[in-house]
C-alpha atoms as a PDB file:
ATOM      1  CA  MET A   1      -5.562 -24.526 -18.768  1.00  0.00           C
ATOM      2  CA  LYS A   2      -5.289 -23.659 -15.250  1.00  0.00           C
ATOM      3  CA  LYS A   3      -5.398 -24.997 -12.177  1.00  0.00           C
ATOM      4  CA  THR A   4      -6.028 -23.561  -8.459  1.00  0.00           C
ATOM      5  CA  ILE A   5      -4.641 -24.627  -5.782  1.00  0.00           C
ATOM      6  CA  ALA A   6      -5.852 -24.129  -2.123  1.00  0.00           C
ATOM      7  CA  PHE A   7      -2.385 -24.889   0.461  1.00  0.00           C
ATOM      8  CA  GLY A   8      -3.923 -26.149   4.030  1.00  0.00           C
ATOM      9  CA  MET A   9      -0.536 -25.252   5.491  1.00  0.00           C
ATOM     10  CA  ALA A  10       0.691 -21.787   6.280  1.00  0.00           C
ATOM     11  CA  ALA A  11       4.427 -23.199   5.433  1.00  0.00           C
ATOM     12  CA  ALA A  12       3.174 -24.367   1.869  1.00  0.00           C
ATOM     13  CA  VAL A  13       1.192 -21.004   1.367  1.00  0.00           C
ATOM     14  CA  ALA A  14       4.388 -18.810   2.543  1.00  0.00           C
ATOM     15  CA  ALA A  15       6.626 -21.094   0.110  1.00  0.00           C
ATOM     16  CA  ALA A  16       4.439 -20.394  -2.512  1.00  0.00           C
ATOM     17  CA  VAL A  17       4.400 -16.695  -1.933  1.00  0.00           C
ATOM     18  CA  ALA A  18       7.526 -16.062  -1.807  1.00  0.00           C
ATOM     19  CA  GLY A  19       8.579 -18.455  -4.826  1.00  0.00           C
ATOM     20  CA  SER A  20       5.602 -17.034  -7.421  1.00  0.00           C
ATOM     21  CA  ALA A  21       4.242 -13.905  -5.995  1.00  0.00           C
ATOM     22  CA  SER A  22       2.929 -12.965  -9.929  1.00  0.00           C
ATOM     23  CA  ALA A  23       1.267 -16.175 -10.049  1.00  0.00           C
ATOM     24  CA  THR A  24      -0.124 -15.627  -6.508  1.00  0.00           C
ATOM     25  CA  ASP A  25      -4.430 -14.614  -5.960  1.00  0.00           C
ATOM     26  CA  VAL A  26      -4.927 -13.101  -2.229  1.00  0.00           C
ATOM     27  CA  TYR A  27      -8.708 -13.641  -1.456  1.00  0.00           C
ATOM     28  CA  MET A  28     -10.336 -10.745   1.138  1.00  0.00           C
ATOM     29  CA  ALA A  29     -13.717 -12.046   1.909  1.00  0.00           C
ATOM     30  CA  THR A  30     -14.128  -9.144   4.410  1.00  0.00           C
ATOM     31  CA  PHE A  31     -13.356  -5.526   4.973  1.00  0.00           C
ATOM     32  CA  ASN A  32     -13.022  -4.600   8.819  1.00  0.00           C
ATOM     33  CA  GLY A  33     -12.139  -0.781   8.221  1.00  0.00           C
ATOM     34  CA  VAL A  34      -8.920   1.343   8.649  1.00  0.00           C
ATOM     35  CA  SER A  35      -7.693   1.591  11.843  1.00  0.00           C
ATOM     36  CA  PRO A  36      -5.038   2.746  13.474  1.00  0.00           C
ATOM     37  CA  GLN A  37      -5.519   5.837  11.601  1.00  0.00           C
ATOM     38  CA  LYS A  38      -5.679   9.802  11.455  1.00  0.00           C
ATOM     39  CA  LEU A  39      -8.012  12.073   9.239  1.00  0.00           C
ATOM     40  CA  VAL A  40      -6.286  14.084   6.969  1.00  0.00           C
ATOM     41  CA  ASN A  41      -7.033  16.650   3.754  1.00  0.00           C
ATOM     42  CA  TYR A  42      -5.556  15.807   0.542  1.00  0.00           C
ATOM     43  CA  VAL A  43      -5.279  17.153  -2.878  1.00  0.00           C
ATOM     44  CA  TYR A  44      -4.819  15.481  -6.457  1.00  0.00           C
ATOM     45  CA  SER A  45      -4.100  17.249  -9.833  1.00  0.00           C
ATOM     46  CA  SER A  46      -3.239  14.877 -12.509  1.00  0.00           C
ATOM     47  CA  GLY A  47      -3.284  17.963 -14.739  1.00  0.00           C
ATOM     48  CA  GLN A  48      -6.091  16.014 -16.609  1.00  0.00           C
ATOM     49  CA  ALA A  49      -9.322  15.113 -16.350  1.00  0.00           C
ATOM     50  CA  TRP A  50      -8.578  13.594 -12.435  1.00  0.00           C
ATOM     51  CA  ASN A  51      -8.633  16.707 -10.580  1.00  0.00           C
ATOM     52  CA  TYR A  52      -9.809  15.614  -6.872  1.00  0.00           C
ATOM     53  CA  GLY A  53     -10.040  18.531  -4.098  1.00  0.00           C
ATOM     54  CA  HIS A  54      -8.915  21.578  -5.907  1.00  0.00           C
ATOM     55  CA  GLN A  55     -13.001  23.217  -6.181  1.00  0.00           C
ATOM     56  CA  SER A  56     -13.440  22.291  -2.702  1.00  0.00           C
ATOM     57  CA  GLY A  57     -10.125  23.068  -0.916  1.00  0.00           C
ATOM     58  CA  GLY A  58      -9.297  19.211  -0.242  1.00  0.00           C
ATOM     59  CA  VAL A  59     -10.462  15.560   0.140  1.00  0.00           C
ATOM     60  CA  GLN A  60     -10.867  14.179   3.911  1.00  0.00           C
ATOM     61  CA  THR A  61     -10.209  10.353   4.203  1.00  0.00           C
ATOM     62  CA  GLN A  62      -8.739   8.595   6.537  1.00  0.00           C
ATOM     63  CA  ALA A  63      -4.947   7.636   6.312  1.00  0.00           C
ATOM     64  CA  GLY A  64      -3.377   4.347   8.035  1.00  0.00           C
ATOM     65  CA  ARG A  65      -3.805   0.629   8.002  1.00  0.00           C
ATOM     66  CA  PHE A  66      -6.158  -1.115   5.967  1.00  0.00           C
ATOM     67  CA  ASN A  67      -7.351  -4.047   7.898  1.00  0.00           C
ATOM     68  CA  TRP A  68      -8.834  -7.485   6.517  1.00  0.00           C
ATOM     69  CA  ASN A  69     -10.438 -10.481   7.095  1.00  0.00           C
ATOM     70  CA  GLY A  70     -11.092 -10.367  10.745  1.00  0.00           C
ATOM     71  CA  ASN A  71      -8.503  -8.393  10.998  1.00  0.00           C
ATOM     72  CA  SER A  72      -5.346 -10.619  10.590  1.00  0.00           C
ATOM     73  CA  ILE A  73      -4.143  -8.974   7.310  1.00  0.00           C
ATOM     74  CA  GLY A  74      -3.106  -5.842   7.320  1.00  0.00           C
ATOM     75  CA  THR A  75      -2.216  -3.480   3.918  1.00  0.00           C
ATOM     76  CA  PHE A  76      -1.805  -0.242   3.081  1.00  0.00           C
ATOM     77  CA  CYS A  77      -3.186   1.902   0.210  1.00  0.00           C
ATOM     78  CA  THR A  78      -1.532   2.953  -3.176  1.00  0.00           C
ATOM     79  CA  GLN A  79      -4.559   4.453  -5.340  1.00  0.00           C
ATOM     80  CA  LEU A  80      -6.864   7.342  -3.690  1.00  0.00           C
ATOM     81  CA  GLY A  81      -9.217   7.636  -6.647  1.00  0.00           C
ATOM     82  CA  GLU A  82     -10.665   4.044  -6.107  1.00  0.00           C
ATOM     83  CA  TYR A  83     -12.917   2.430  -2.954  1.00  0.00           C
ATOM     84  CA  VAL A  84     -12.641  -0.853  -1.362  1.00  0.00           C
ATOM     85  CA  ALA A  85     -15.193  -3.762  -2.660  1.00  0.00           C
ATOM     86  CA  VAL A  86     -15.268  -6.935  -0.881  1.00  0.00           C
ATOM     87  CA  PRO A  87     -15.375 -10.329  -1.123  1.00  0.00           C
ATOM     88  CA  VAL A  88     -12.513  -9.548  -3.702  1.00  0.00           C
ATOM     89  CA  THR A  89      -9.705 -11.580  -4.988  1.00  0.00           C
ATOM     90  CA  TYR A  90      -6.165  -9.717  -5.646  1.00  0.00           C
ATOM     91  CA  GLN A  91      -3.553 -10.550  -7.766  1.00  0.00           C
ATOM     92  CA  MET A  92      -0.275 -10.230  -6.335  1.00  0.00           C
ATOM     93  CA  VAL A  93       2.240  -8.162  -8.568  1.00  0.00           C
ATOM     94  CA  ASP A  94       5.305  -6.700  -7.740  1.00  0.00           C
ATOM     95  CA  VAL A  95       5.619  -2.869  -6.383  1.00  0.00           C
ATOM     96  CA  SER A  96       5.821  -1.277  -9.924  1.00  0.00           C
ATOM     97  CA  GLN A  97       2.594  -2.503 -11.041  1.00  0.00           C
ATOM     98  CA  VAL A  98       0.457  -1.154  -8.852  1.00  0.00           C
ATOM     99  CA  PRO A  99      -1.838   0.915  -8.939  1.00  0.00           C
ATOM    100  CA  ASP A 100      -3.646  -0.121 -11.751  1.00  0.00           C
ATOM    101  CA  PRO A 101      -5.121   2.595 -14.231  1.00  0.00           C
ATOM    102  CA  SER A 102      -8.484   1.182 -14.207  1.00  0.00           C
ATOM    103  CA  PRO A 103     -10.726   3.029 -13.732  1.00  0.00           C
ATOM    104  CA  ASN A 104      -8.509   6.399 -14.036  1.00  0.00           C
ATOM    105  CA  PRO A 105      -5.182   6.226 -15.704  1.00  0.00           C
ATOM    106  CA  ASN A 106      -3.732   8.987 -13.373  1.00  0.00           C
ATOM    107  CA  PRO A 107      -1.690   8.640 -11.434  1.00  0.00           C
ATOM    108  CA  GLY A 108      -1.236   4.582 -13.126  1.00  0.00           C
ATOM    109  CA  GLN A 109       1.699   2.363 -11.686  1.00  0.00           C
ATOM    110  CA  MET A 110       4.571   3.461 -10.026  1.00  0.00           C
ATOM    111  CA  GLY A 111       7.395   1.611 -12.166  1.00  0.00           C
ATOM    112  CA  THR A 112      10.836   1.351 -11.158  1.00  0.00           C
ATOM    113  CA  ILE A 113      12.011   4.858  -9.728  1.00  0.00           C
ATOM    114  CA  LYS A 114       8.587   4.937  -7.131  1.00  0.00           C
ATOM    115  CA  SER A 115       8.448   1.498  -6.187  1.00  0.00           C
ATOM    116  CA  GLY A 116      12.133   1.760  -5.642  1.00  0.00           C
ATOM    117  CA  LEU A 117      11.499   4.801  -2.930  1.00  0.00           C
ATOM    118  CA  ILE A 118       8.901   2.511  -1.396  1.00  0.00           C
ATOM    119  CA  ARG A 119      11.207  -0.071  -0.638  1.00  0.00           C
ATOM    120  CA  ASP A 120      12.964   2.212   0.893  1.00  0.00           C
ATOM    121  CA  LEU A 121      10.326   3.915   2.943  1.00  0.00           C
ATOM    122  CA  TYR A 122       9.607  -0.078   4.044  1.00  0.00           C
ATOM    123  CA  ALA A 123      12.973  -0.770   4.820  1.00  0.00           C
ATOM    124  CA  ARG A 124      13.502   2.315   7.159  1.00  0.00           C
ATOM    125  CA  ASN A 125       9.796   2.141   8.818  1.00  0.00           C
ATOM    126  CA  TRP A 126       8.282  -1.621   8.606  1.00  0.00           C
ATOM    127  CA  SER A 127       9.957  -2.645  11.800  1.00  0.00           C
ATOM    128  CA  ALA A 128       8.185  -0.469  13.438  1.00  0.00           C
ATOM    129  CA  VAL A 129       4.952   0.471  11.510  1.00  0.00           C
ATOM    130  CA  SER A 130       4.145  -3.820  11.389  1.00  0.00           C
ATOM    131  CA  VAL A 131       3.871  -3.915  14.985  1.00  0.00           C
ATOM    132  CA  ALA A 132       1.701  -0.727  15.840  1.00  0.00           C
ATOM    133  CA  THR A 133      -1.349  -2.494  15.376  1.00  0.00           C
ATOM    134  CA  ALA A 134      -3.514  -1.167  18.676  1.00  0.00           C
ATOM    135  CA  ASP A 135      -5.423   1.654  18.366  1.00  0.00           C
ATOM    136  CA  THR A 136      -3.552   4.302  20.583  1.00  0.00           C
ATOM    137  CA  ALA A 137      -2.313   7.989  19.743  1.00  0.00           C
ATOM    138  CA  ALA A 138       1.079   6.728  18.880  1.00  0.00           C
ATOM    139  CA  ASN A 139      -0.216   4.208  16.439  1.00  0.00           C
ATOM    140  CA  GLN A 140      -2.170   6.291  14.938  1.00  0.00           C
ATOM    141  CA  LEU A 141       0.104   9.127  14.100  1.00  0.00           C
ATOM    142  CA  LEU A 142       3.137   6.268  12.782  1.00  0.00           C
ATOM    143  CA  ASN A 143       0.441   4.672  10.233  1.00  0.00           C
ATOM    144  CA  ALA A 144      -1.076   7.467   8.641  1.00  0.00           C
ATOM    145  CA  ALA A 145       2.392   9.106   8.674  1.00  0.00           C
ATOM    146  CA  PHE A 146       3.452   5.830   6.693  1.00  0.00           C
ATOM    147  CA  GLN A 147       0.272   5.746   4.536  1.00  0.00           C
ATOM    148  CA  LEU A 148       0.859   9.720   3.563  1.00  0.00           C
ATOM    149  CA  CYS A 149       4.356   8.953   2.641  1.00  0.00           C
ATOM    150  CA  ILE A 150       2.937   6.077   0.547  1.00  0.00           C
ATOM    151  CA  TRP A 151       0.467   8.236  -1.548  1.00  0.00           C
ATOM    152  CA  GLU A 152       2.941  11.082  -1.991  1.00  0.00           C
ATOM    153  CA  ILE A 153       5.258   8.649  -3.525  1.00  0.00           C
ATOM    154  CA  SER A 154       2.649   6.659  -5.681  1.00  0.00           C
ATOM    155  CA  HIS A 155       1.071  10.108  -6.686  1.00  0.00           C
ATOM    156  CA  GLU A 156       3.212  12.792  -7.030  1.00  0.00           C
ATOM    157  CA  ASN A 157       4.660  13.748 -10.224  1.00  0.00           C
ATOM    158  CA  LEU A 158       8.169  11.922 -11.028  1.00  0.00           C
ATOM    159  CA  ALA A 159       8.006  11.106 -14.555  1.00  0.00           C
ATOM    160  CA  GLY A 160      11.136  13.285 -15.476  1.00  0.00           C
ATOM    161  CA  ASP A 161      12.961  11.659 -12.361  1.00  0.00           C
ATOM    162  CA  ALA A 162      15.770   9.500 -13.652  1.00  0.00           C
ATOM    163  CA  THR A 163      17.154   8.334 -10.436  1.00  0.00           C
ATOM    164  CA  LEU A 164      15.834   7.623  -6.753  1.00  0.00           C
ATOM    165  CA  ALA A 165      18.383  10.336  -5.262  1.00  0.00           C
ATOM    166  CA  VAL A 166      16.531  12.847  -7.759  1.00  0.00           C
ATOM    167  CA  ALA A 167      13.011  11.445  -7.118  1.00  0.00           C
ATOM    168  CA  ALA A 168      13.479  11.397  -3.284  1.00  0.00           C
ATOM    169  CA  THR A 169      13.989  15.386  -3.168  1.00  0.00           C
ATOM    170  CA  HIS A 170      11.013  15.711  -5.558  1.00  0.00           C
ATOM    171  CA  LEU A 171       8.564  14.790  -2.690  1.00  0.00           C
ATOM    172  CA  SER A 172       6.789  16.493  -0.176  1.00  0.00           C
ATOM    173  CA  VAL A 173       3.669  16.806   1.516  1.00  0.00           C
ATOM    174  CA  ASP A 174       2.794  20.357   0.801  1.00  0.00           C
ATOM    175  CA  THR A 175       3.828  21.170  -2.893  1.00  0.00           C
ATOM    176  CA  GLY A 176       3.299  19.415  -6.261  1.00  0.00           C
ATOM    177  CA  GLN A 177       0.845  17.039  -7.514  1.00  0.00           C
ATOM    178  CA  MET A 178      -0.159  15.667  -4.215  1.00  0.00           C
ATOM    179  CA  GLN A 179      -0.381  17.690  -1.126  1.00  0.00           C
ATOM    180  CA  PHE A 180      -1.574  17.333   2.212  1.00  0.00           C
ATOM    181  CA  ASN A 181      -3.064  19.032   4.817  1.00  0.00           C
ATOM    182  CA  GLY A 182      -4.567  19.119   8.775  1.00  0.00           C
ATOM    183  CA  ASP A 183      -2.889  17.783  11.348  1.00  0.00           C
ATOM    184  CA  ALA A 184       0.336  19.514  11.922  1.00  0.00           C
ATOM    185  CA  THR A 185       2.164  16.785  13.786  1.00  0.00           C
ATOM    186  CA  LEU A 186       0.732  13.923  11.424  1.00  0.00           C
ATOM    187  CA  LEU A 187       2.485  16.387   8.182  1.00  0.00           C
ATOM    188  CA  SER A 188       5.690  16.986  10.268  1.00  0.00           C
ATOM    189  CA  SER A 189       5.729  13.217  11.390  1.00  0.00           C
ATOM    190  CA  ALA A 190       5.216  12.421   7.150  1.00  0.00           C
ATOM    191  CA  ALA A 191       7.470  14.941   6.045  1.00  0.00           C
ATOM    192  CA  SER A 192      10.568  13.307   8.328  1.00  0.00           C
ATOM    193  CA  MET A 193       9.938   9.758   7.154  1.00  0.00           C
ATOM    194  CA  LEU A 194       9.956  11.082   3.160  1.00  0.00           C
ATOM    195  CA  ALA A 195      13.482  13.056   3.884  1.00  0.00           C
ATOM    196  CA  ALA A 196      15.094  10.220   5.143  1.00  0.00           C
ATOM    197  CA  LEU A 197      14.599   8.255   2.446  1.00  0.00           C
ATOM    198  CA  GLY A 198      18.553   7.482   0.707  1.00  0.00           C
ATOM    199  CA  THR A 199      20.199   8.472   4.016  1.00  0.00           C
ATOM    200  CA  GLY A 200      23.076   6.151   3.730  1.00  0.00           C
ATOM    201  CA  GLY A 201      22.242   4.564   0.456  1.00  0.00           C
ATOM    202  CA  PHE A 202      18.506   3.577  -0.887  1.00  0.00           C
ATOM    203  CA  LEU A 203      17.725  -0.068   0.760  1.00  0.00           C
ATOM    204  CA  ALA A 204      15.829  -2.864  -0.685  1.00  0.00           C
ATOM    205  CA  PHE A 205      12.425  -4.462   0.787  1.00  0.00           C
ATOM    206  CA  ASP A 206      11.897  -7.395  -0.846  1.00  0.00           C
ATOM    207  CA  SER A 207       8.744  -8.831   0.971  1.00  0.00           C
ATOM    208  CA  VAL A 208       6.556  -5.878  -0.293  1.00  0.00           C
ATOM    209  CA  TRP A 209       4.268  -7.093  -3.206  1.00  0.00           C
ATOM    210  CA  GLY A 210       1.423  -4.628  -4.776  1.00  0.00           C
ATOM    211  CA  LEU A 211      -2.338  -5.855  -4.473  1.00  0.00           C
ATOM    212  CA  THR A 212      -4.101  -5.110  -8.031  1.00  0.00           C
ATOM    213  CA  ASN A 213      -8.236  -5.668  -9.174  1.00  0.00           C
ATOM    214  CA  ALA A 214      -9.477  -3.065 -11.749  1.00  0.00           C
ATOM    215  CA  ASP A 215     -12.597  -2.844  -9.442  1.00  0.00           C
ATOM    216  CA  ALA A 216     -11.211  -2.491  -6.480  1.00  0.00           C
ATOM    217  CA  GLN A 217      -8.790   0.019  -4.508  1.00  0.00           C
ATOM    218  CA  ASP A 218      -4.718  -1.308  -5.042  1.00  0.00           C
ATOM    219  CA  GLN A 219      -3.165  -2.296  -1.971  1.00  0.00           C
ATOM    220  CA  LEU A 220       0.588  -2.669  -0.799  1.00  0.00           C
ATOM    221  CA  ILE A 221       1.057  -6.081   1.554  1.00  0.00           C
ATOM    222  CA  VAL A 222       3.756  -7.649   3.222  1.00  0.00           C
ATOM    223  CA  ILE A 223       4.781 -11.418   2.975  1.00  0.00           C
ATOM    224  CA  PRO A 224       5.189 -13.514   4.451  1.00  0.00           C
ATOM    225  CA  ILE A 225       2.485 -12.560   7.344  1.00  0.00           C
ATOM    226  CA  PRO A 226       3.353 -13.816  10.599  1.00  0.00           C
ATOM    227  CA  ALA A 227       1.972 -17.570  11.010  1.00  0.00           C
ATOM    228  CA  PRO A 228      -1.448 -16.786  13.502  1.00  0.00           C
ATOM    229  CA  ALA A 229      -2.283 -14.098  11.011  1.00  0.00           C
ATOM    230  CA  LEU A 230      -1.847 -16.209   7.980  1.00  0.00           C
ATOM    231  CA  LEU A 231      -3.609 -19.052   9.381  1.00  0.00           C
ATOM    232  CA  ALA A 232      -6.760 -16.589  10.060  1.00  0.00           C
ATOM    233  CA  GLY A 233      -6.226 -15.684   5.992  1.00  0.00           C
ATOM    234  CA  LEU A 234      -6.592 -18.971   5.349  1.00  0.00           C
ATOM    235  CA  GLY A 235      -9.790 -19.236   6.756  1.00  0.00           C
ATOM    236  CA  LEU A 236      -8.072 -21.989   9.183  1.00  0.00           C
ATOM    237  CA  LEU A 237      -8.625 -19.795  12.493  1.00  0.00           C
ATOM    238  CA  GLY A 238     -11.634 -17.503  10.194  1.00  0.00           C
ATOM    239  CA  VAL A 239     -12.056 -16.806   6.734  1.00  0.00           C
ATOM    240  CA  GLY A 240     -10.202 -15.888   3.530  1.00  0.00           C
ATOM    241  CA  VAL A 241      -7.571 -18.069   1.230  1.00  0.00           C
ATOM    242  CA  ILE A 242      -4.729 -17.520  -0.518  1.00  0.00           C
ATOM    243  CA  ARG A 243      -4.149 -19.250  -3.750  1.00  0.00           C
ATOM    244  CA  ARG A 244      -1.538 -20.071  -5.819  1.00  0.00           C
ATOM    245  CA  ARG A 245      -2.524 -20.617  -9.503  1.00  0.00           C
ATOM    246  CA  ILE A 246      -0.581 -23.398 -11.708  1.00  0.00           C
ATOM    247  CA  ALA A 247      -0.439 -23.316 -15.395  1.00  0.00           C
ATOM    248  CA  LYS A 248      -0.715 -26.530 -17.119  1.00  0.00           C
END
């Protein structure tokens, strides 16, 4: 049978998450909105039943940082076809395993190539994005551009690409299966981030993980979370728990 153990110390939780992410649950008690963010229109066509935006010229959404548990935890979305649900318990998985195929089979799990692009994106930009939490114009642009890149990677059709280098050449904010329109500065910033992928070689970023739940919008999270935010996320300073499941 399985037991659920709630760790009461930040160091223990960080070690548990780092050591066994595939057996870790993250409980999100509250959703505090998307901020910093900018509005953007997107068009996605899977070539199958799930076809958002083509009939109306695009769907408007907020692109930016998703804030949870009193803003102590920040994530970025991988799944445009679902919605935020709270409270929700996410399973922490490898980036390659998000977004889940429920309720829409497309775009499906990212797999090796797309997850490699995501890790390179995080390696090049996370140090700047992670501290850009104040709702300023500059931070809105940075967070929104970063989110657009994640959506482009997770939703673009890269099925025929066998290498990261080939796949990177097929990423674009305004062509392909996943397209955006709206703020020209935002689109240009996202395009620059995408163009930088693979420069000097593709980089690894092992601290980014997927959060998946069949009934909620899948996310990306970076572990370890800074200690004060982790304590707040645990409920020691607010709400939320990170649990590690151990099989016995």
